[in-house]
Amino acid sequence: MLFVDADCKCENGWVSGAYSALQGGCRLIGGAVLDGHPWHPIGVADNLLQFSDLSAQRPRGRIRLIPSCNLGIRRRDFDALGGFRAVAAGEDVLFCAAAARHWPNSLLFEPRMRVRHFGRTSFGAFWRHQERFGHARGALGLELSLSQRRIGRFAIAAPAVWLKRLLYLMRRTASSGPAAFGSLLLLLPIVSLGLVAWCAGFRRGCAQVLTDQLHERAAD
């Protein structure tokens, strides 16, 4: 089974690259997610914030997370994991975490699997999208400890969360080469605002889940 989003376009070799990798024994396969709007500042910033780990320069090898916009898996393995959860965002993070628990070191990045992502090009859509992703991260606790979720609900923690994400983004784009890092520096004002939206959603998600837990305890 191969998955791609409606706002992505597969490049030549996508199917054959996925097929050969799955035949080689990996459980979950994914590849590069490239800019569909390489000259649009918001489009490039949107892609950087979502897919900095999935550049065309990344070598073939193990990977921690594969987005559902560029993913391959055998049908029997998909069924064994129970498919994707019905959540507003973050279903691929939950899915990959389940796959890693079942089959450690089984997720593979395959450079021949390339798609172009035609993301948001208006600032309003860009802001809402980043805010939704941040909310999902906090509400679902994606790769977060309980302590991190508790701290994340406070406004005073927002600058630290913002800086941590920016530093991670800079490290990832720097590893992709000078062109990617140069794009990040040129678009830093837009990227920074996208991170603000993400942090706002993250705080709301962390606060929401802890409030829900308190209400459940009170009801008991």
N, C-alpha and C. Protein backbone atom coordinates (compact mmCIF):
# COMPACT_ATOMS: atom_id res chain seq x y z
N MET A 1 0.85 -1.18 0.00
CA MET A 1 0.00 0.00 0.00
C MET A 1 0.89 1.24 0.00
N LEU A 2 0.53 2.19 -0.86
CA LEU A 2 1.28 3.44 -0.94
C LEU A 2 0.33 4.60 -0.68
N PHE A 3 0.80 5.57 0.12
CA PHE A 3 -0.02 6.71 0.49
C PHE A 3 0.64 8.01 0.04
N VAL A 4 -0.19 8.91 -0.50
CA VAL A 4 0.27 10.25 -0.88
C VAL A 4 -0.89 11.21 -0.66
N ASP A 5 -0.60 12.44 -0.25
CA ASP A 5 -1.66 13.41 0.01
C ASP A 5 -2.15 14.07 -1.28
N ALA A 6 -3.33 14.68 -1.19
CA ALA A 6 -3.91 15.34 -2.36
C ALA A 6 -3.10 16.54 -2.81
N ASP A 7 -2.32 17.14 -1.89
CA ASP A 7 -1.51 18.31 -2.26
C ASP A 7 -0.08 17.94 -2.63
N CYS A 8 0.14 16.67 -2.95
CA CYS A 8 1.47 16.20 -3.36
C CYS A 8 1.40 15.52 -4.72
N LYS A 9 2.50 15.57 -5.45
CA LYS A 9 2.61 14.93 -6.75
C LYS A 9 3.83 14.02 -6.75
N CYS A 10 3.63 12.76 -7.12
CA CYS A 10 4.73 11.79 -7.12
C CYS A 10 5.63 11.99 -8.33
N GLU A 11 6.92 11.83 -8.14
CA GLU A 11 7.87 11.91 -9.24
C GLU A 11 8.17 10.52 -9.78
N ASN A 12 8.82 10.47 -10.94
CA ASN A 12 9.15 9.19 -11.56
C ASN A 12 10.00 8.35 -10.62
N GLY A 13 9.72 7.06 -10.59
CA GLY A 13 10.47 6.13 -9.75
C GLY A 13 9.89 5.95 -8.36
N TRP A 14 8.80 6.63 -8.07
CA TRP A 14 8.21 6.56 -6.72
C TRP A 14 7.73 5.15 -6.40
N VAL A 15 6.95 4.56 -7.28
CA VAL A 15 6.40 3.23 -7.02
C VAL A 15 7.51 2.18 -7.01
N SER A 16 8.39 2.21 -7.98
CA SER A 16 9.45 1.20 -8.05
C SER A 16 10.40 1.31 -6.86
N GLY A 17 10.68 2.53 -6.41
CA GLY A 17 11.54 2.70 -5.25
C GLY A 17 10.92 2.12 -3.99
N ALA A 18 9.63 2.37 -3.81
CA ALA A 18 8.93 1.83 -2.64
C ALA A 18 8.85 0.31 -2.70
N TYR A 19 8.54 -0.22 -3.89
CA TYR A 19 8.39 -1.67 -4.03
C TYR A 19 9.69 -2.40 -3.71
N SER A 20 10.80 -1.92 -4.26
CA SER A 20 12.07 -2.60 -4.04
C SER A 20 12.50 -2.54 -2.58
N ALA A 21 12.21 -1.41 -1.90
CA ALA A 21 12.57 -1.29 -0.49
C ALA A 21 11.74 -2.23 0.38
N LEU A 22 10.45 -2.32 0.10
CA LEU A 22 9.60 -3.22 0.87
C LEU A 22 9.97 -4.67 0.61
N GLN A 23 10.36 -4.98 -0.61
CA GLN A 23 10.82 -6.33 -0.91
C GLN A 23 12.10 -6.66 -0.18
N GLY A 24 12.87 -5.63 0.16
CA GLY A 24 14.14 -5.83 0.86
C GLY A 24 13.98 -6.11 2.34
N GLY A 25 12.76 -5.99 2.87
CA GLY A 25 12.53 -6.40 4.25
C GLY A 25 12.12 -5.33 5.22
N CYS A 26 12.15 -4.05 4.83
CA CYS A 26 11.72 -3.01 5.78
C CYS A 26 10.19 -3.06 5.92
N ARG A 27 9.69 -2.52 7.01
CA ARG A 27 8.26 -2.56 7.28
C ARG A 27 7.54 -1.30 6.81
N LEU A 28 8.21 -0.16 6.94
CA LEU A 28 7.61 1.13 6.61
C LEU A 28 8.62 1.93 5.81
N ILE A 29 8.19 2.51 4.71
CA ILE A 29 9.11 3.19 3.80
C ILE A 29 8.59 4.58 3.47
N GLY A 30 9.50 5.53 3.35
CA GLY A 30 9.14 6.89 2.96
C GLY A 30 10.31 7.54 2.26
N GLY A 31 10.09 8.74 1.71
CA GLY A 31 11.15 9.40 0.97
C GLY A 31 11.08 10.91 1.07
N ALA A 32 11.75 11.56 0.13
CA ALA A 32 11.89 13.02 0.16
C ALA A 32 10.57 13.71 -0.16
N VAL A 33 10.35 14.84 0.51
CA VAL A 33 9.19 15.70 0.23
C VAL A 33 9.74 17.06 -0.20
N LEU A 34 9.61 17.36 -1.49
CA LEU A 34 10.22 18.54 -2.09
C LEU A 34 9.20 19.66 -2.26
N ASP A 35 9.73 20.87 -2.46
CA ASP A 35 8.86 22.04 -2.65
C ASP A 35 8.08 21.96 -3.97
N GLY A 36 6.77 22.10 -3.87
CA GLY A 36 5.98 22.25 -5.08
C GLY A 36 5.93 23.70 -5.54
N HIS A 37 6.20 24.62 -4.62
CA HIS A 37 6.24 26.06 -4.94
C HIS A 37 7.62 26.61 -4.56
N PRO A 38 8.67 26.22 -5.28
CA PRO A 38 10.04 26.56 -4.85
C PRO A 38 10.37 28.04 -4.85
N TRP A 39 9.54 28.88 -5.50
CA TRP A 39 9.82 30.31 -5.55
C TRP A 39 8.81 31.13 -4.76
N HIS A 40 7.92 30.46 -4.04
CA HIS A 40 6.92 31.18 -3.24
C HIS A 40 7.38 31.19 -1.79
N PRO A 41 7.59 32.36 -1.18
CA PRO A 41 8.17 32.40 0.17
C PRO A 41 7.34 31.66 1.22
N ILE A 42 6.01 31.81 1.16
CA ILE A 42 5.19 31.11 2.14
C ILE A 42 5.19 29.61 1.86
N GLY A 43 5.14 29.23 0.58
CA GLY A 43 5.17 27.82 0.21
C GLY A 43 6.45 27.14 0.67
N VAL A 44 7.58 27.81 0.48
CA VAL A 44 8.87 27.25 0.90
C VAL A 44 8.94 27.16 2.43
N ALA A 45 8.48 28.21 3.12
CA ALA A 45 8.48 28.19 4.59
C ALA A 45 7.58 27.07 5.11
N ASP A 46 6.44 26.88 4.47
CA ASP A 46 5.52 25.81 4.85
C ASP A 46 6.20 24.45 4.73
N ASN A 47 6.94 24.26 3.66
CA ASN A 47 7.62 22.99 3.45
C ASN A 47 8.76 22.79 4.44
N LEU A 48 9.53 23.85 4.70
CA LEU A 48 10.64 23.77 5.65
C LEU A 48 10.15 23.37 7.03
N LEU A 49 9.06 23.97 7.48
CA LEU A 49 8.56 23.70 8.82
C LEU A 49 8.03 22.28 8.97
N GLN A 50 7.55 21.69 7.88
CA GLN A 50 6.98 20.35 7.97
C GLN A 50 7.95 19.23 7.62
N PHE A 51 8.83 19.49 6.66
CA PHE A 51 9.58 18.37 6.08
C PHE A 51 11.09 18.60 6.05
N SER A 52 11.62 19.30 7.05
CA SER A 52 13.07 19.54 7.07
C SER A 52 13.87 18.25 7.22
N ASP A 53 13.25 17.20 7.76
CA ASP A 53 13.93 15.91 7.91
C ASP A 53 13.94 15.09 6.63
N LEU A 54 13.25 15.56 5.59
CA LEU A 54 13.02 14.72 4.41
C LEU A 54 13.51 15.41 3.14
N SER A 55 14.73 15.92 3.16
CA SER A 55 15.28 16.59 2.00
C SER A 55 15.78 15.57 0.98
N ALA A 56 15.96 16.04 -0.23
CA ALA A 56 16.46 15.17 -1.30
C ALA A 56 17.90 14.74 -1.05
N GLN A 57 18.62 15.47 -0.18
CA GLN A 57 20.02 15.15 0.09
C GLN A 57 20.19 14.10 1.19
N ARG A 58 19.13 13.75 1.86
CA ARG A 58 19.24 12.76 2.93
C ARG A 58 19.60 11.40 2.34
N PRO A 59 20.59 10.70 2.89
CA PRO A 59 20.97 9.38 2.35
C PRO A 59 19.99 8.29 2.77
N ARG A 60 20.00 7.22 2.05
CA ARG A 60 19.15 6.08 2.39
C ARG A 60 19.55 5.54 3.75
N GLY A 61 18.55 5.23 4.57
CA GLY A 61 18.87 4.70 5.90
C GLY A 61 17.67 4.76 6.83
N ARG A 62 17.91 4.40 8.07
CA ARG A 62 16.85 4.36 9.06
C ARG A 62 16.34 5.76 9.37
N ILE A 63 15.07 5.83 9.71
CA ILE A 63 14.43 7.11 10.00
C ILE A 63 13.43 6.90 11.12
N ARG A 64 13.16 7.98 11.87
CA ARG A 64 12.26 7.90 13.03
C ARG A 64 10.81 8.11 12.65
N LEU A 65 10.56 9.01 11.69
CA LEU A 65 9.19 9.39 11.37
C LEU A 65 9.02 9.51 9.86
N ILE A 66 7.92 8.96 9.36
CA ILE A 66 7.58 9.04 7.94
C ILE A 66 6.19 9.66 7.83
N PRO A 67 6.05 10.77 7.12
CA PRO A 67 4.72 11.39 7.00
C PRO A 67 3.82 10.60 6.07
N SER A 68 2.53 10.71 6.30
CA SER A 68 1.57 9.94 5.50
C SER A 68 1.45 10.44 4.07
N CYS A 69 2.08 11.59 3.76
CA CYS A 69 2.03 12.09 2.39
C CYS A 69 3.00 11.36 1.47
N ASN A 70 3.85 10.51 2.03
CA ASN A 70 4.83 9.78 1.22
C ASN A 70 5.22 8.53 1.98
N LEU A 71 4.36 7.54 1.95
CA LEU A 71 4.52 6.38 2.83
C LEU A 71 4.12 5.10 2.11
N GLY A 72 4.88 4.04 2.38
CA GLY A 72 4.55 2.73 1.83
C GLY A 72 4.64 1.66 2.91
N ILE A 73 3.74 0.67 2.83
CA ILE A 73 3.71 -0.40 3.82
C ILE A 73 2.96 -1.58 3.20
N ARG A 74 3.30 -2.79 3.61
CA ARG A 74 2.54 -3.95 3.15
C ARG A 74 1.15 -3.93 3.78
N ARG A 75 0.19 -4.45 3.05
CA ARG A 75 -1.20 -4.43 3.53
C ARG A 75 -1.33 -5.20 4.85
N ARG A 76 -0.69 -6.33 4.97
CA ARG A 76 -0.83 -7.12 6.20
C ARG A 76 -0.24 -6.38 7.41
N ASP A 77 0.83 -5.62 7.18
CA ASP A 77 1.42 -4.84 8.27
C ASP A 77 0.53 -3.66 8.65
N PHE A 78 -0.06 -3.04 7.63
CA PHE A 78 -0.99 -1.94 7.88
C PHE A 78 -2.16 -2.42 8.74
N ASP A 79 -2.71 -3.57 8.39
CA ASP A 79 -3.83 -4.12 9.15
C ASP A 79 -3.40 -4.51 10.56
N ALA A 80 -2.17 -5.03 10.69
CA ALA A 80 -1.68 -5.43 12.01
C ALA A 80 -1.57 -4.26 12.97
N LEU A 81 -1.28 -3.07 12.41
CA LEU A 81 -1.16 -1.86 13.23
C LEU A 81 -2.51 -1.18 13.47
N GLY A 82 -3.54 -1.64 12.78
CA GLY A 82 -4.86 -1.05 12.97
C GLY A 82 -5.11 0.19 12.14
N GLY A 83 -4.24 0.47 11.16
CA GLY A 83 -4.42 1.63 10.30
C GLY A 83 -4.16 2.94 11.01
N PHE A 84 -4.55 4.03 10.37
CA PHE A 84 -4.36 5.37 10.94
C PHE A 84 -5.50 5.70 11.90
N ARG A 85 -5.15 6.36 12.99
CA ARG A 85 -6.18 6.83 13.90
C ARG A 85 -6.89 8.05 13.31
N ALA A 86 -8.18 8.18 13.62
CA ALA A 86 -8.97 9.30 13.10
C ALA A 86 -8.77 10.52 14.00
N VAL A 87 -7.71 11.27 13.74
CA VAL A 87 -7.41 12.49 14.49
C VAL A 87 -7.23 13.62 13.49
N ALA A 88 -7.33 14.86 13.98
CA ALA A 88 -7.25 16.02 13.08
C ALA A 88 -5.88 16.17 12.46
N ALA A 89 -4.82 15.82 13.17
CA ALA A 89 -3.45 15.89 12.68
C ALA A 89 -2.60 15.00 13.57
N GLY A 90 -1.46 14.55 13.02
CA GLY A 90 -0.55 13.72 13.81
C GLY A 90 -0.79 12.23 13.69
N GLU A 91 -1.69 11.82 12.80
CA GLU A 91 -1.97 10.39 12.66
C GLU A 91 -0.74 9.61 12.20
N ASP A 92 0.12 10.25 11.40
CA ASP A 92 1.31 9.55 10.93
C ASP A 92 2.34 9.38 12.04
N VAL A 93 2.43 10.34 12.98
CA VAL A 93 3.34 10.19 14.12
C VAL A 93 2.91 9.02 14.99
N LEU A 94 1.61 8.92 15.27
CA LEU A 94 1.10 7.81 16.05
C LEU A 94 1.31 6.48 15.33
N PHE A 95 1.12 6.48 14.03
CA PHE A 95 1.28 5.27 13.24
C PHE A 95 2.73 4.79 13.25
N CYS A 96 3.66 5.73 13.05
CA CYS A 96 5.08 5.38 13.05
C CYS A 96 5.54 4.90 14.42
N ALA A 97 5.01 5.52 15.48
CA ALA A 97 5.36 5.08 16.83
C ALA A 97 4.90 3.65 17.06
N ALA A 98 3.70 3.32 16.57
CA ALA A 98 3.20 1.95 16.71
C ALA A 98 4.06 0.98 15.91
N ALA A 99 4.46 1.38 14.70
CA ALA A 99 5.32 0.52 13.88
C ALA A 99 6.66 0.29 14.56
N ALA A 100 7.23 1.33 15.16
CA ALA A 100 8.53 1.20 15.83
C ALA A 100 8.44 0.28 17.04
N ARG A 101 7.31 0.31 17.72
CA ARG A 101 7.13 -0.59 18.86
C ARG A 101 7.03 -2.05 18.41
N HIS A 102 6.33 -2.26 17.31
CA HIS A 102 6.16 -3.62 16.79
C HIS A 102 7.44 -4.16 16.16
N TRP A 103 8.09 -3.29 15.38
CA TRP A 103 9.25 -3.72 14.61
C TRP A 103 10.37 -2.68 14.74
N PRO A 104 11.15 -2.73 15.80
CA PRO A 104 12.21 -1.73 16.01
C PRO A 104 13.16 -1.64 14.82
N ASN A 105 13.58 -0.41 14.50
CA ASN A 105 14.53 -0.15 13.41
C ASN A 105 14.01 -0.63 12.05
N SER A 106 12.69 -0.56 11.87
CA SER A 106 12.11 -1.08 10.63
C SER A 106 11.65 0.01 9.67
N LEU A 107 11.84 1.31 10.04
CA LEU A 107 11.42 2.42 9.19
C LEU A 107 12.60 2.87 8.35
N LEU A 108 12.38 3.02 7.06
CA LEU A 108 13.49 3.30 6.14
C LEU A 108 13.19 4.50 5.25
N PHE A 109 14.20 5.36 5.11
CA PHE A 109 14.13 6.46 4.15
C PHE A 109 14.73 6.00 2.83
N GLU A 110 13.96 6.12 1.75
CA GLU A 110 14.38 5.70 0.42
C GLU A 110 14.40 6.93 -0.50
N PRO A 111 15.58 7.41 -0.90
CA PRO A 111 15.66 8.64 -1.71
C PRO A 111 14.92 8.59 -3.03
N ARG A 112 14.69 7.39 -3.56
CA ARG A 112 13.99 7.30 -4.85
C ARG A 112 12.49 7.59 -4.72
N MET A 113 11.98 7.56 -3.51
CA MET A 113 10.57 7.91 -3.29
C MET A 113 10.47 9.41 -3.10
N ARG A 114 10.20 10.14 -4.16
CA ARG A 114 10.16 11.60 -4.12
C ARG A 114 8.77 12.10 -4.49
N VAL A 115 8.25 13.00 -3.67
CA VAL A 115 7.00 13.68 -4.01
C VAL A 115 7.24 15.19 -3.89
N ARG A 116 6.43 15.95 -4.61
CA ARG A 116 6.47 17.41 -4.49
C ARG A 116 5.22 17.86 -3.75
N HIS A 117 5.45 18.66 -2.74
CA HIS A 117 4.37 19.11 -1.87
C HIS A 117 3.94 20.52 -2.26
N PHE A 118 2.69 20.67 -2.66
CA PHE A 118 2.13 21.96 -3.03
C PHE A 118 1.31 22.47 -1.84
N GLY A 119 2.00 23.07 -0.89
CA GLY A 119 1.38 23.46 0.36
C GLY A 119 0.72 24.81 0.31
N ARG A 120 0.54 25.40 1.47
CA ARG A 120 -0.17 26.66 1.60
C ARG A 120 0.63 27.83 1.05
N THR A 121 -0.04 28.74 0.37
CA THR A 121 0.63 29.92 -0.18
C THR A 121 0.01 31.23 0.31
N SER A 122 -1.00 31.15 1.16
CA SER A 122 -1.55 32.36 1.78
C SER A 122 -1.16 32.34 3.25
N PHE A 123 -0.93 33.52 3.82
CA PHE A 123 -0.46 33.56 5.19
C PHE A 123 -1.50 33.02 6.16
N GLY A 124 -2.79 33.30 5.91
CA GLY A 124 -3.82 32.81 6.80
C GLY A 124 -3.85 31.29 6.87
N ALA A 125 -3.79 30.64 5.70
CA ALA A 125 -3.80 29.18 5.67
C ALA A 125 -2.53 28.62 6.30
N PHE A 126 -1.41 29.28 6.06
CA PHE A 126 -0.13 28.88 6.64
C PHE A 126 -0.21 28.93 8.17
N TRP A 127 -0.72 30.02 8.71
CA TRP A 127 -0.83 30.19 10.16
C TRP A 127 -1.74 29.12 10.77
N ARG A 128 -2.91 28.93 10.17
CA ARG A 128 -3.87 27.95 10.70
C ARG A 128 -3.31 26.54 10.67
N HIS A 129 -2.57 26.23 9.61
CA HIS A 129 -2.01 24.89 9.47
C HIS A 129 -0.97 24.62 10.55
N GLN A 130 -0.08 25.57 10.79
CA GLN A 130 0.94 25.41 11.81
C GLN A 130 0.31 25.35 13.21
N GLU A 131 -0.70 26.17 13.44
CA GLU A 131 -1.38 26.15 14.73
C GLU A 131 -2.04 24.79 14.97
N ARG A 132 -2.62 24.23 13.93
CA ARG A 132 -3.27 22.91 14.06
C ARG A 132 -2.26 21.82 14.35
N PHE A 133 -1.09 21.89 13.71
CA PHE A 133 -0.05 20.90 13.96
C PHE A 133 0.47 21.01 15.40
N GLY A 134 0.68 22.24 15.88
CA GLY A 134 1.12 22.40 17.26
C GLY A 134 0.10 21.89 18.25
N HIS A 135 -1.18 22.16 17.98
CA HIS A 135 -2.24 21.68 18.86
C HIS A 135 -2.25 20.16 18.93
N ALA A 136 -2.10 19.51 17.80
CA ALA A 136 -2.09 18.05 17.78
C ALA A 136 -0.92 17.49 18.59
N ARG A 137 0.24 18.15 18.46
CA ARG A 137 1.42 17.68 19.20
C ARG A 137 1.15 17.72 20.71
N GLY A 138 0.55 18.81 21.20
CA GLY A 138 0.28 18.92 22.62
C GLY A 138 -0.88 18.05 23.07
N ALA A 139 -1.98 18.05 22.32
CA ALA A 139 -3.18 17.32 22.72
C ALA A 139 -2.98 15.80 22.69
N LEU A 140 -2.23 15.31 21.71
CA LEU A 140 -2.00 13.88 21.59
C LEU A 140 -0.75 13.43 22.32
N GLY A 141 0.05 14.38 22.79
CA GLY A 141 1.27 14.02 23.50
C GLY A 141 2.29 13.34 22.61
N LEU A 142 2.39 13.80 21.36
CA LEU A 142 3.26 13.14 20.40
C LEU A 142 4.72 13.34 20.79
N GLU A 143 5.38 12.25 21.16
CA GLU A 143 6.79 12.24 21.56
C GLU A 143 7.05 13.22 22.71
N LEU A 144 6.12 13.28 23.65
CA LEU A 144 6.23 14.17 24.80
C LEU A 144 6.05 13.38 26.09
N SER A 145 6.77 13.80 27.13
CA SER A 145 6.55 13.24 28.45
C SER A 145 5.41 14.01 29.12
N LEU A 146 4.88 13.45 30.21
CA LEU A 146 3.82 14.13 30.93
C LEU A 146 4.31 15.46 31.49
N SER A 147 5.56 15.51 31.93
CA SER A 147 6.13 16.75 32.45
C SER A 147 6.19 17.82 31.37
N GLN A 148 6.58 17.43 30.16
CA GLN A 148 6.65 18.39 29.06
C GLN A 148 5.28 18.94 28.71
N ARG A 149 4.27 18.11 28.78
CA ARG A 149 2.92 18.57 28.49
C ARG A 149 2.42 19.52 29.58
N ARG A 150 2.78 19.23 30.82
CA ARG A 150 2.38 20.11 31.91
C ARG A 150 3.04 21.48 31.79
N ILE A 151 4.32 21.48 31.47
CA ILE A 151 5.05 22.74 31.32
C ILE A 151 4.55 23.50 30.09
N GLY A 152 4.22 22.76 29.02
CA GLY A 152 3.83 23.38 27.77
C GLY A 152 2.56 24.19 27.82
N ARG A 153 1.75 24.02 28.86
CA ARG A 153 0.49 24.77 28.94
C ARG A 153 0.69 26.20 29.43
N PHE A 154 1.88 26.51 29.93
CA PHE A 154 2.14 27.84 30.49
C PHE A 154 2.77 28.76 29.43
N ALA A 155 2.29 30.00 29.39
CA ALA A 155 2.78 30.97 28.41
C ALA A 155 4.26 31.25 28.59
N ILE A 156 4.74 31.16 29.83
CA ILE A 156 6.15 31.45 30.09
C ILE A 156 7.09 30.46 29.41
N ALA A 157 6.57 29.27 29.08
CA ALA A 157 7.38 28.25 28.42
C ALA A 157 7.45 28.43 26.91
N ALA A 158 6.57 29.26 26.35
CA ALA A 158 6.47 29.40 24.89
C ALA A 158 7.79 29.84 24.23
N PRO A 159 8.52 30.84 24.78
CA PRO A 159 9.78 31.23 24.13
C PRO A 159 10.79 30.08 24.06
N ALA A 160 10.86 29.27 25.11
CA ALA A 160 11.79 28.14 25.11
C ALA A 160 11.38 27.09 24.07
N VAL A 161 10.07 26.84 23.97
CA VAL A 161 9.57 25.89 22.96
C VAL A 161 9.87 26.42 21.56
N TRP A 162 9.63 27.70 21.35
CA TRP A 162 9.90 28.34 20.05
C TRP A 162 11.38 28.21 19.68
N LEU A 163 12.26 28.51 20.63
CA LEU A 163 13.70 28.46 20.36
C LEU A 163 14.16 27.03 20.09
N LYS A 164 13.64 26.09 20.84
CA LYS A 164 14.03 24.69 20.64
C LYS A 164 13.67 24.22 19.24
N ARG A 165 12.49 24.57 18.78
CA ARG A 165 12.07 24.16 17.45
C ARG A 165 12.88 24.86 16.36
N LEU A 166 13.19 26.13 16.58
CA LEU A 166 14.00 26.85 15.60
C LEU A 166 15.39 26.25 15.49
N LEU A 167 16.02 25.93 16.62
CA LEU A 167 17.36 25.35 16.60
C LEU A 167 17.36 23.98 15.91
N TYR A 168 16.32 23.21 16.18
CA TYR A 168 16.21 21.91 15.50
C TYR A 168 16.07 22.10 14.00
N LEU A 169 15.24 23.05 13.60
CA LEU A 169 15.04 23.32 12.18
C LEU A 169 16.34 23.78 11.51
N MET A 170 17.10 24.60 12.20
CA MET A 170 18.37 25.08 11.65
C MET A 170 19.37 23.94 11.50
N ARG A 171 19.41 23.03 12.47
CA ARG A 171 20.31 21.88 12.36
C ARG A 171 19.94 21.00 11.18
N ARG A 172 18.66 20.74 11.02
CA ARG A 172 18.22 19.86 9.95
C ARG A 172 18.46 20.48 8.57
N THR A 173 18.16 21.76 8.42
CA THR A 173 18.37 22.40 7.12
C THR A 173 19.85 22.55 6.82
N ALA A 174 20.67 22.77 7.83
CA ALA A 174 22.12 22.86 7.62
C ALA A 174 22.67 21.54 7.10
N SER A 175 22.12 20.43 7.59
CA SER A 175 22.58 19.11 7.14
C SER A 175 22.15 18.82 5.71
N SER A 176 21.17 19.59 5.21
CA SER A 176 20.69 19.38 3.84
C SER A 176 21.50 20.17 2.81
N GLY A 177 22.41 21.01 3.28
CA GLY A 177 23.26 21.75 2.35
C GLY A 177 23.06 23.25 2.45
N PRO A 178 23.98 24.01 1.85
CA PRO A 178 23.92 25.48 1.95
C PRO A 178 22.69 26.09 1.31
N ALA A 179 22.16 25.49 0.26
CA ALA A 179 20.98 26.06 -0.39
C ALA A 179 19.78 26.05 0.55
N ALA A 180 19.55 24.91 1.22
CA ALA A 180 18.43 24.81 2.15
C ALA A 180 18.61 25.75 3.33
N PHE A 181 19.83 25.82 3.85
CA PHE A 181 20.07 26.70 4.99
C PHE A 181 19.93 28.17 4.59
N GLY A 182 20.39 28.49 3.38
CA GLY A 182 20.22 29.86 2.89
C GLY A 182 18.76 30.25 2.75
N SER A 183 17.94 29.31 2.28
CA SER A 183 16.50 29.56 2.17
C SER A 183 15.89 29.83 3.53
N LEU A 184 16.33 29.05 4.52
CA LEU A 184 15.82 29.26 5.87
C LEU A 184 16.16 30.65 6.39
N LEU A 185 17.40 31.07 6.18
CA LEU A 185 17.81 32.39 6.67
C LEU A 185 17.04 33.50 5.97
N LEU A 186 16.85 33.36 4.66
CA LEU A 186 16.11 34.39 3.92
C LEU A 186 14.65 34.47 4.36
N LEU A 187 14.11 33.34 4.71
CA LEU A 187 12.69 33.28 5.07
C LEU A 187 12.46 33.25 6.57
N LEU A 188 13.48 33.62 7.33
CA LEU A 188 13.39 33.52 8.78
C LEU A 188 12.20 34.30 9.37
N PRO A 189 11.86 35.49 8.86
CA PRO A 189 10.68 36.17 9.42
C PRO A 189 9.39 35.36 9.28
N ILE A 190 9.18 34.76 8.10
CA ILE A 190 7.97 33.96 7.88
C ILE A 190 8.03 32.68 8.71
N VAL A 191 9.19 32.03 8.71
CA VAL A 191 9.35 30.81 9.49
C VAL A 191 9.10 31.08 10.97
N SER A 192 9.63 32.20 11.45
CA SER A 192 9.45 32.56 12.87
C SER A 192 7.99 32.72 13.22
N LEU A 193 7.23 33.36 12.34
CA LEU A 193 5.80 33.51 12.58
C LEU A 193 5.08 32.16 12.55
N GLY A 194 5.51 31.28 11.65
CA GLY A 194 4.95 29.94 11.63
C GLY A 194 5.21 29.20 12.93
N LEU A 195 6.39 29.40 13.51
CA LEU A 195 6.72 28.78 14.78
C LEU A 195 5.87 29.37 15.92
N VAL A 196 5.59 30.67 15.83
CA VAL A 196 4.71 31.30 16.82
C VAL A 196 3.33 30.64 16.78
N ALA A 197 2.80 30.43 15.57
CA ALA A 197 1.50 29.78 15.42
C ALA A 197 1.54 28.36 15.99
N TRP A 198 2.63 27.63 15.70
CA TRP A 198 2.78 26.27 16.20
C TRP A 198 2.80 26.27 17.73
N CYS A 199 3.56 27.18 18.32
CA CYS A 199 3.67 27.25 19.77
C CYS A 199 2.33 27.62 20.42
N ALA A 200 1.56 28.49 19.77
CA ALA A 200 0.24 28.84 20.29
C ALA A 200 -0.67 27.62 20.30
N GLY A 201 -0.64 26.84 19.22
CA GLY A 201 -1.44 25.62 19.17
C GLY A 201 -0.96 24.58 20.16
N PHE A 202 0.36 24.48 20.32
CA PHE A 202 0.94 23.53 21.27
C PHE A 202 0.50 23.82 22.69
N ARG A 203 0.56 25.08 23.07
CA ARG A 203 0.13 25.47 24.42
C ARG A 203 -1.35 25.14 24.63
N ARG A 204 -2.18 25.45 23.63
CA ARG A 204 -3.61 25.16 23.74
C ARG A 204 -3.87 23.66 23.85
N GLY A 205 -3.11 22.86 23.08
CA GLY A 205 -3.28 21.42 23.13
C GLY A 205 -2.86 20.84 24.47
N CYS A 206 -1.74 21.30 25.02
CA CYS A 206 -1.29 20.82 26.33
C CYS A 206 -2.29 21.18 27.42
N ALA A 207 -2.80 22.41 27.36
CA ALA A 207 -3.77 22.85 28.37
C ALA A 207 -5.08 22.07 28.25
N GLN A 208 -5.48 21.78 27.03
CA GLN A 208 -6.76 21.09 26.80
C GLN A 208 -6.74 19.70 27.38
N VAL A 209 -5.68 18.94 27.13
CA VAL A 209 -5.65 17.55 27.57
C VAL A 209 -5.59 17.46 29.08
N LEU A 210 -4.85 18.36 29.73
CA LEU A 210 -4.76 18.32 31.18
C LEU A 210 -6.08 18.76 31.83
N THR A 211 -6.76 19.72 31.20
CA THR A 211 -8.07 20.13 31.69
C THR A 211 -9.07 18.99 31.58
N ASP A 212 -9.02 18.27 30.46
CA ASP A 212 -9.91 17.12 30.26
C ASP A 212 -9.67 16.05 31.33
N GLN A 213 -8.40 15.83 31.67
CA GLN A 213 -8.07 14.82 32.67
C GLN A 213 -8.61 15.22 34.04
N LEU A 214 -8.53 16.51 34.38
CA LEU A 214 -9.06 16.98 35.65
C LEU A 214 -10.57 16.81 35.72
N HIS A 215 -11.25 17.10 34.59
CA HIS A 215 -12.69 16.93 34.54
C HIS A 215 -13.09 15.47 34.71
N GLU A 216 -12.30 14.57 34.10
CA GLU A 216 -12.59 13.14 34.22
C GLU A 216 -12.42 12.67 35.65
N ARG A 217 -11.38 13.16 36.34
CA ARG A 217 -11.16 12.78 37.74
C ARG A 217 -12.28 13.32 38.62
N ALA A 218 -12.71 14.55 38.34
CA ALA A 218 -13.79 15.14 39.12
C ALA A 218 -15.09 14.35 38.94
N ALA A 219 -15.31 13.88 37.71
CA ALA A 219 -16.53 13.12 37.42
C ALA A 219 -16.53 11.78 38.13
N ASP A 220 -15.34 11.20 38.32
CA ASP A 220 -15.23 9.91 39.01
C ASP A 220 -15.50 10.08 40.50
